[in-house]
């Protein structure tokens, strides 16, 4: 059987979101991953899908699977450290691809394939989720209205109606954000800071006051400068906002060593505490009636016709009916589905290796977000 899309990492939260959205739009999807049990519900619900075991550590096998099922678009939803392997498999298979984003070093490597992709007539877009993803496209929309840009600040904040801990998104990514050095562009120079030394309180639309801090593990400080250095960008910072009930639980896990990557041996088996805790936390189910809301934002400061200008872009993401188990994580999986469909239908048709601010058309993208109840604001006014 041939499939419209192949989804790597389909057994994870974002992979299931992407797969379900594509299936509900009538496309056929080959779901690939390492734990079939996590997608049994989708296999039973939809006829135009199937499952194939794929471990992205084995690039040869991943390439063979793509070729076997003849899809020309691959959506990679595996953890970010697998993005380069997935891209290499897609290049060998001769297909278009996209992913949810990597840290800066991996993003640089992915974008370095630009000439190779152009020569082969292939497209790759990295960072197609929320931030990176929606934030990049909001920046593209706003940047056209500036002659010069001096400072870009970007980030997210979220909260829930029940003050209980539910895994917000990938726990390895969260642990990295809390503990890894946070890159900032200051006066065109990249520096790194300790995230928790930047802690402040900020008020966000429809969220309220949050503990906010600069974090790493996000490529925007690199890609924003890559695309807008020509407009004079000097400063870029990324911020994360967490509600108290989640912030405190995450800090406790970090303090107790559950976020460590250093392997320990238990009954002759070596395992990293981070891997163990991540698997355990996947079992946590949201309580009945649990809902989340997220605020994705980009603030741009610069000039237009020599006058100072500021544009504040915001995307408000609610929990969706029948998607309650995903919470506001829909803002990562659904944009990836939208962009994948744009590649499939030719709305995006620019060979090369890109991030979203370089190639994703703003109007059609925002329209698709609104169909999924995500409102985009420009300086407080809804624009989709």
Protein backbone atom coordinates (compact mmCIF):
# COMPACT_ATOMS: atom_id res chain seq x y z
CA UNK A 1 0.00 0.00 0.00
CA UNK A 2 1.15 3.52 -0.79
CA UNK A 3 0.70 6.34 1.74
CA UNK A 4 0.34 10.11 1.40
CA UNK A 5 2.51 10.68 4.47
CA UNK A 6 5.00 8.82 6.64
CA UNK A 7 5.12 9.97 10.26
CA UNK A 8 8.23 9.11 12.26
CA UNK A 9 7.83 9.16 16.03
CA UNK A 10 4.12 8.51 15.52
CA UNK A 11 3.85 6.70 18.86
CA UNK A 12 4.72 9.84 20.83
CA UNK A 13 2.23 12.57 21.75
CA UNK A 14 3.04 14.88 18.83
CA UNK A 15 3.24 12.02 16.35
CA UNK A 16 -0.25 10.90 17.34
CA UNK A 17 -1.57 14.46 16.98
CA UNK A 18 -0.04 14.85 13.50
CA UNK A 19 -1.22 11.41 12.38
CA UNK A 20 -4.77 11.93 13.62
CA UNK A 21 -5.11 15.36 12.00
CA UNK A 22 -3.86 14.07 8.65
CA UNK A 23 -6.15 11.04 8.85
CA UNK A 24 -9.16 13.20 9.70
CA UNK A 25 -8.40 15.30 6.61
CA UNK A 26 -8.72 12.15 4.51
CA UNK A 27 -5.03 11.43 3.88
CA UNK A 28 -3.43 8.01 4.24
CA UNK A 29 -0.70 7.81 6.88
CA UNK A 30 1.97 5.24 7.67
CA UNK A 31 2.69 5.61 11.39
CA UNK A 32 6.23 4.65 12.37
CA UNK A 33 7.73 4.24 15.81
CA UNK A 34 8.88 1.75 18.43
CA UNK A 35 5.69 1.02 20.39
CA UNK A 36 2.68 0.00 18.33
CA UNK A 37 0.41 -0.18 21.39
CA UNK A 38 0.39 3.62 21.63
CA UNK A 39 -1.37 3.98 18.28
CA UNK A 40 -3.75 1.03 18.44
CA UNK A 41 -6.70 3.41 18.86
CA UNK A 42 -5.87 5.17 15.58
CA UNK A 43 -5.30 1.87 13.78
CA UNK A 44 -8.76 0.71 14.86
CA UNK A 45 -10.47 4.03 14.10
CA UNK A 46 -9.05 4.69 10.62
CA UNK A 47 -8.77 2.33 7.65
CA UNK A 48 -6.28 4.44 5.67
CA UNK A 49 -3.35 3.85 8.03
CA UNK A 50 -0.89 1.20 9.17
CA UNK A 51 2.11 0.83 11.47
CA UNK A 52 5.75 0.02 10.78
CA UNK A 53 8.53 -0.37 13.36
CA UNK A 54 11.24 2.26 12.83
CA UNK A 55 14.17 3.21 15.06
CA UNK A 56 15.81 6.34 13.67
CA UNK A 57 19.18 5.20 14.97
CA UNK A 58 19.05 2.90 11.93
CA UNK A 59 19.08 5.33 8.99
CA UNK A 60 19.26 2.51 6.44
CA UNK A 61 16.07 0.90 7.73
CA UNK A 62 14.26 4.25 7.90
CA UNK A 63 15.25 4.92 4.28
CA UNK A 64 13.99 1.51 3.17
CA UNK A 65 10.63 2.05 4.89
CA UNK A 66 10.13 5.40 3.14
CA UNK A 67 10.93 3.85 -0.24
CA UNK A 68 8.77 0.80 0.36
CA UNK A 69 5.59 2.76 1.05
CA UNK A 70 6.22 5.46 -1.59
CA UNK A 71 5.21 8.58 0.31
CA UNK A 72 6.86 11.79 -0.87
CA UNK A 73 6.43 13.70 2.44
CA UNK A 74 7.80 12.59 5.81
CA UNK A 75 6.85 14.27 9.09
CA UNK A 76 9.42 13.56 11.81
CA UNK A 77 7.97 13.84 15.33
CA UNK A 78 10.73 11.94 17.13
CA UNK A 79 12.88 13.63 19.76
CA UNK A 80 15.00 16.46 18.35
CA UNK A 81 18.30 14.58 18.55
CA UNK A 82 16.94 12.24 15.84
CA UNK A 83 16.21 15.04 13.36
CA UNK A 84 19.49 14.79 11.49
CA UNK A 85 19.14 11.03 11.06
CA UNK A 86 15.60 11.50 9.78
CA UNK A 87 16.73 14.17 7.32
CA UNK A 88 19.51 11.95 5.99
CA UNK A 89 17.05 9.10 5.49
CA UNK A 90 14.69 11.41 3.60
CA UNK A 91 17.48 12.70 1.36
CA UNK A 92 18.53 9.13 0.54
CA UNK A 93 14.91 8.22 -0.18
CA UNK A 94 14.40 11.36 -2.30
CA UNK A 95 11.43 12.81 -0.38
CA UNK A 96 10.37 16.10 1.22
CA UNK A 97 10.41 16.34 5.02
CA UNK A 98 9.76 18.45 8.08
CA UNK A 99 10.26 18.17 11.82
CA UNK A 100 9.42 19.86 15.12
CA UNK A 101 12.83 21.43 15.70
CA UNK A 102 16.26 20.83 17.21
CA UNK A 103 18.73 22.72 19.34
CA UNK A 104 20.97 25.26 17.61
CA UNK A 105 23.91 22.95 16.72
CA UNK A 106 21.62 20.39 15.07
CA UNK A 107 19.57 23.11 13.36
CA UNK A 108 22.76 24.51 11.83
CA UNK A 109 23.63 21.06 10.49
CA UNK A 110 20.16 20.60 9.02
CA UNK A 111 20.20 24.01 7.33
CA UNK A 112 23.68 23.28 5.95
CA UNK A 113 22.01 20.76 3.60
CA UNK A 114 20.35 23.64 1.72
CA UNK A 115 22.45 23.31 -1.45
CA UNK A 116 22.09 19.52 -1.46
CA UNK A 117 18.30 19.80 -1.14
CA UNK A 118 18.06 22.42 -3.89
CA UNK A 119 20.16 20.29 -6.23
CA UNK A 120 17.84 17.33 -5.61
CA UNK A 121 14.66 19.45 -5.83
CA UNK A 122 13.70 18.53 -2.27
CA UNK A 123 12.32 20.58 0.61
CA UNK A 124 13.04 20.30 4.31
CA UNK A 125 11.57 22.58 6.98
CA UNK A 126 12.83 22.29 10.55
CA UNK A 127 10.92 23.66 13.56
CA UNK A 128 7.29 23.31 12.44
CA UNK A 129 5.53 23.21 15.82
CA UNK A 130 4.57 25.97 18.24
CA UNK A 131 7.82 27.73 19.14
CA UNK A 132 9.62 27.05 16.92
CA UNK A 133 6.86 27.03 14.32
CA UNK A 134 3.91 29.34 14.87
CA UNK A 135 6.26 31.92 16.39
CA UNK A 136 8.47 31.90 13.29
CA UNK A 137 5.51 32.48 10.98
CA UNK A 138 4.20 35.30 13.21
CA UNK A 139 7.64 36.91 12.96
CA UNK A 140 7.58 36.60 9.18
CA UNK A 141 4.19 38.34 9.11
CA UNK A 142 5.39 41.23 11.29
CA UNK A 143 8.89 41.62 9.84
CA UNK A 144 7.51 42.77 6.50
CA UNK A 145 6.20 45.90 8.26
CA UNK A 146 9.63 47.07 9.45
CA UNK A 147 12.48 48.80 7.67
CA UNK A 148 14.85 47.83 10.47
CA UNK A 149 14.51 45.42 13.39
CA UNK A 150 16.62 45.83 16.51
CA UNK A 151 15.18 43.39 19.06
CA UNK A 152 13.06 40.23 18.90
CA UNK A 153 11.71 38.52 22.00
CA UNK A 154 9.80 35.27 21.71
CA UNK A 155 8.32 32.72 24.06
CA UNK A 156 5.39 30.83 25.51
CA UNK A 157 3.30 30.71 28.67
CA UNK A 158 0.54 28.32 29.67
CA UNK A 159 -1.80 27.35 32.49
CA UNK A 160 -4.53 24.84 33.28
CA UNK A 161 -7.93 25.01 34.95
CA UNK A 162 -6.81 22.38 37.49
CA UNK A 163 -3.67 23.02 39.51
CA UNK A 164 -2.29 19.52 39.08
CA UNK A 165 0.80 18.27 37.28
CA UNK A 166 0.28 16.86 33.80
CA UNK A 167 3.28 16.49 31.50
CA UNK A 168 3.26 19.73 29.45
CA UNK A 169 5.24 18.28 26.54
CA UNK A 170 8.43 16.23 26.01
CA UNK A 171 10.04 15.79 29.44
CA UNK A 172 13.60 15.48 28.04
CA UNK A 173 13.06 18.83 26.30
CA UNK A 174 11.67 20.39 29.48
CA UNK A 175 14.58 19.17 31.58
CA UNK A 176 16.99 20.58 28.98
CA UNK A 177 15.19 23.92 29.02
CA UNK A 178 15.44 24.21 32.80
CA UNK A 179 19.04 23.05 33.16
CA UNK A 180 20.90 23.73 29.90
CA UNK A 181 22.55 27.08 29.11
CA UNK A 182 20.20 29.52 27.42
CA UNK A 183 21.61 31.23 24.31
CA UNK A 184 20.87 34.91 23.80
CA UNK A 185 21.87 37.27 21.03
CA UNK A 186 23.04 40.49 22.64
CA UNK A 187 24.37 43.27 20.39
CA UNK A 188 24.89 40.68 17.62
CA UNK A 189 26.98 38.42 19.87
CA UNK A 190 25.77 35.03 21.10
CA UNK A 191 26.12 34.53 24.84
CA UNK A 192 24.83 31.84 27.20
CA UNK A 193 23.14 32.33 30.55
CA UNK A 194 21.88 30.10 33.35
CA UNK A 195 18.09 29.88 32.79
CA UNK A 196 17.09 30.06 36.44
CA UNK A 197 19.25 33.16 36.98
CA UNK A 198 16.94 35.06 34.60
CA UNK A 199 13.69 34.32 36.48
CA UNK A 200 11.08 37.11 36.43
CA UNK A 201 7.29 37.39 36.64
CA UNK A 202 5.33 38.47 33.56
CA UNK A 203 1.63 38.92 32.76
CA UNK A 204 0.27 37.24 29.61
CA UNK A 205 -3.01 37.60 27.70
CA UNK A 206 -5.58 35.01 28.88
CA UNK A 207 -2.96 33.31 31.07
CA UNK A 208 -2.19 35.81 33.80
CA UNK A 209 1.06 36.14 35.75
CA UNK A 210 3.71 33.48 35.21
CA UNK A 211 7.22 32.67 36.33
CA UNK A 212 9.23 33.40 33.19
CA UNK A 213 12.86 32.75 32.32
CA UNK A 214 15.22 32.47 29.36
CA UNK A 215 15.69 28.91 28.15
CA UNK A 216 17.87 26.97 25.78
CA UNK A 217 17.06 24.01 23.52
CA UNK A 218 15.33 26.41 21.08
CA UNK A 219 16.79 27.41 17.70
CA UNK A 220 15.04 30.77 17.28
CA UNK A 221 17.97 32.84 18.51
CA UNK A 222 19.88 31.38 15.56
CA UNK A 223 17.23 31.16 12.81
CA UNK A 224 15.71 34.59 13.50
CA UNK A 225 19.14 36.15 13.07
CA UNK A 226 19.86 34.03 10.00
CA UNK A 227 16.77 35.38 8.22
CA UNK A 228 16.64 38.94 9.56
CA UNK A 229 20.25 40.01 10.11
CA UNK A 230 19.83 42.05 6.94
CA UNK A 231 17.28 44.18 8.80
CA UNK A 232 19.84 44.94 11.49
CA UNK A 233 18.74 42.59 14.28
CA UNK A 234 20.95 42.97 17.36
CA UNK A 235 19.11 41.24 20.20
CA UNK A 236 17.10 38.00 20.44
CA UNK A 237 15.87 36.25 23.59
CA UNK A 238 13.62 33.24 24.16
CA UNK A 239 11.37 33.04 27.25
CA UNK A 240 9.35 30.24 28.86
CA UNK A 241 6.49 30.75 31.28
CA UNK A 242 5.28 27.98 33.61
CA UNK A 243 2.45 27.96 36.18
CA UNK A 244 3.54 27.44 39.78
CA UNK A 245 2.07 23.95 40.12
CA UNK A 246 4.10 22.69 37.15
CA UNK A 247 7.23 24.76 37.80
CA UNK A 248 7.63 23.45 41.35
CA UNK A 249 7.15 19.79 40.36
CA UNK A 250 9.74 20.06 37.57
CA UNK A 251 12.22 21.77 39.90
CA UNK A 252 11.74 19.01 42.48
CA UNK A 253 12.48 16.30 39.89
CA UNK A 254 15.61 18.15 38.80
CA UNK A 255 16.80 18.66 42.39
CA UNK A 256 16.28 14.95 43.18
CA UNK A 257 18.33 13.85 40.16
CA UNK A 258 15.54 12.51 37.97
CA UNK A 259 16.64 14.76 35.08
CA UNK A 260 20.20 13.43 35.00
CA UNK A 261 21.61 11.91 31.81
CA UNK A 262 24.33 10.06 33.74
CA UNK A 263 23.53 6.37 33.63
CA UNK A 264 23.06 4.35 36.79
CA UNK A 265 23.04 0.54 37.05
CA UNK A 266 19.99 -1.29 38.44
CA UNK A 267 20.13 -5.08 38.62
CA UNK A 268 22.73 -5.17 35.88
CA UNK A 269 20.85 -2.79 33.58
CA UNK A 270 22.17 0.70 32.85
CA UNK A 271 19.65 3.51 32.46
CA UNK A 272 19.73 7.30 32.59
CA UNK A 273 17.38 8.73 35.24
CA UNK A 274 16.00 11.14 32.63
CA UNK A 275 14.95 8.25 30.38
CA UNK A 276 13.34 6.41 33.29
CA UNK A 277 11.44 9.42 34.62
CA UNK A 278 10.28 10.38 31.13
CA UNK A 279 8.76 6.94 30.58
CA UNK A 280 7.10 6.93 34.01
CA UNK A 281 5.62 10.39 33.48
CA UNK A 282 4.10 9.32 30.17
CA UNK A 283 1.69 7.23 32.24
CA UNK A 284 0.18 10.27 33.93
CA UNK A 285 -3.31 10.86 32.58
CA UNK A 286 -5.05 14.22 32.67
CA UNK A 287 -7.96 14.20 35.17
CA UNK A 288 -11.49 14.42 33.81
CA UNK A 289 -12.38 18.01 32.96
CA UNK A 290 -8.73 19.09 32.74
CA UNK A 291 -8.11 21.89 30.20
CA UNK A 292 -5.11 23.97 29.21
CA UNK A 293 -4.53 27.25 27.43
CA UNK A 294 -1.27 28.52 25.95
CA UNK A 295 0.00 31.91 24.84
CA UNK A 296 2.65 31.90 22.10
CA UNK A 297 4.14 35.33 21.52
CA UNK A 298 6.70 37.32 19.55
CA UNK A 299 7.52 40.98 20.28
CA UNK A 300 9.38 42.89 17.57
CA UNK A 301 11.02 46.30 18.06
CA UNK A 302 12.46 48.40 15.24
CA UNK A 303 11.73 51.27 12.88
CA UNK A 304 9.49 52.14 9.95
CA UNK A 305 10.36 55.23 7.92
CA UNK A 306 12.78 56.21 10.72
CA UNK A 307 10.03 56.17 13.38
CA UNK A 308 10.19 53.67 16.24
CA UNK A 309 7.80 50.77 15.75
CA UNK A 310 6.65 47.84 17.92
CA UNK A 311 4.52 44.86 16.91
CA UNK A 312 3.38 42.30 19.45
CA UNK A 313 2.20 39.03 17.90
CA UNK A 314 0.25 36.52 19.99
CA UNK A 315 -1.37 33.15 19.31
CA UNK A 316 -3.86 31.88 21.89
CA UNK A 317 -4.22 28.10 21.95
CA UNK A 318 -7.12 26.45 23.82
CA UNK A 319 -7.77 22.80 24.58
CA UNK A 320 -9.95 21.40 21.80
CA UNK A 321 -13.05 19.29 22.22
CA UNK A 322 -12.23 15.62 21.56
CA UNK A 323 -8.52 16.47 21.89
CA UNK A 324 -8.55 16.95 25.66
CA UNK A 325 -5.86 14.32 26.26
CA UNK A 326 -3.43 16.45 24.23
CA UNK A 327 -4.09 19.69 26.14
CA UNK A 328 -2.53 22.70 24.45
CA UNK A 329 0.11 20.42 22.90
CA UNK A 330 -2.07 20.59 19.82
CA UNK A 331 -0.14 23.77 19.01
CA UNK A 332 2.90 21.66 18.17
CA UNK A 333 1.41 18.73 16.29
CA UNK A 334 -1.30 20.58 14.35
CA UNK A 335 1.02 23.21 12.78
CA UNK A 336 3.28 20.37 11.61
CA UNK A 337 0.26 18.73 9.99
CA UNK A 338 -0.72 22.02 8.33
CA UNK A 339 2.77 22.60 6.92
CA UNK A 340 3.02 18.97 5.75
CA UNK A 341 -0.23 19.41 3.83
CA UNK A 342 1.07 22.66 2.32
CA UNK A 343 4.10 20.80 1.02
CA UNK A 344 1.94 17.95 -0.28
CA UNK A 345 -0.43 20.27 -2.16
CA UNK A 346 2.30 22.55 -3.52
CA UNK A 347 1.36 25.62 -1.48
CA UNK A 348 4.96 25.51 -0.27
CA UNK A 349 7.24 24.72 -3.19
CA UNK A 350 10.74 26.02 -2.55
CA UNK A 351 13.53 23.42 -2.65
CA UNK A 352 16.15 23.74 0.04
CA UNK A 353 16.52 23.38 3.79
CA UNK A 354 14.58 26.04 5.70
CA UNK A 355 12.99 27.08 8.95
CA UNK A 356 9.36 28.31 8.81
CA UNK A 357 10.05 32.06 8.72
CA UNK A 358 11.73 31.54 5.37
CA UNK A 359 9.01 29.73 3.41
CA UNK A 360 5.65 29.28 5.17
CA UNK A 361 2.97 31.63 3.72
CA UNK A 362 1.46 33.58 6.59
CA UNK A 363 -2.14 34.08 5.43
CA UNK A 364 -2.99 30.47 4.54
CA UNK A 365 -1.17 29.23 7.65
CA UNK A 366 -3.06 31.55 9.99
CA UNK A 367 -6.34 30.58 8.32
CA UNK A 368 -5.66 26.91 9.05
CA UNK A 369 -4.78 27.73 12.65
CA UNK A 370 -8.14 29.47 13.12
CA UNK A 371 -9.95 26.40 11.77
CA UNK A 372 -8.38 24.65 14.75
CA UNK A 373 -9.53 27.41 17.17
CA UNK A 374 -6.12 29.11 17.44
CA UNK A 375 -6.47 32.90 17.34
CA UNK A 376 -3.60 35.09 16.08
CA UNK A 377 -3.35 38.68 17.32
CA UNK A 378 -1.34 41.63 16.05
CA UNK A 379 -1.07 44.37 18.66
CA UNK A 380 -4.22 43.08 20.37
CA UNK A 381 -6.35 42.68 17.22
CA UNK A 382 -7.32 39.26 15.86
CA UNK A 383 -6.02 38.87 12.30
CA UNK A 384 -7.26 35.37 11.41
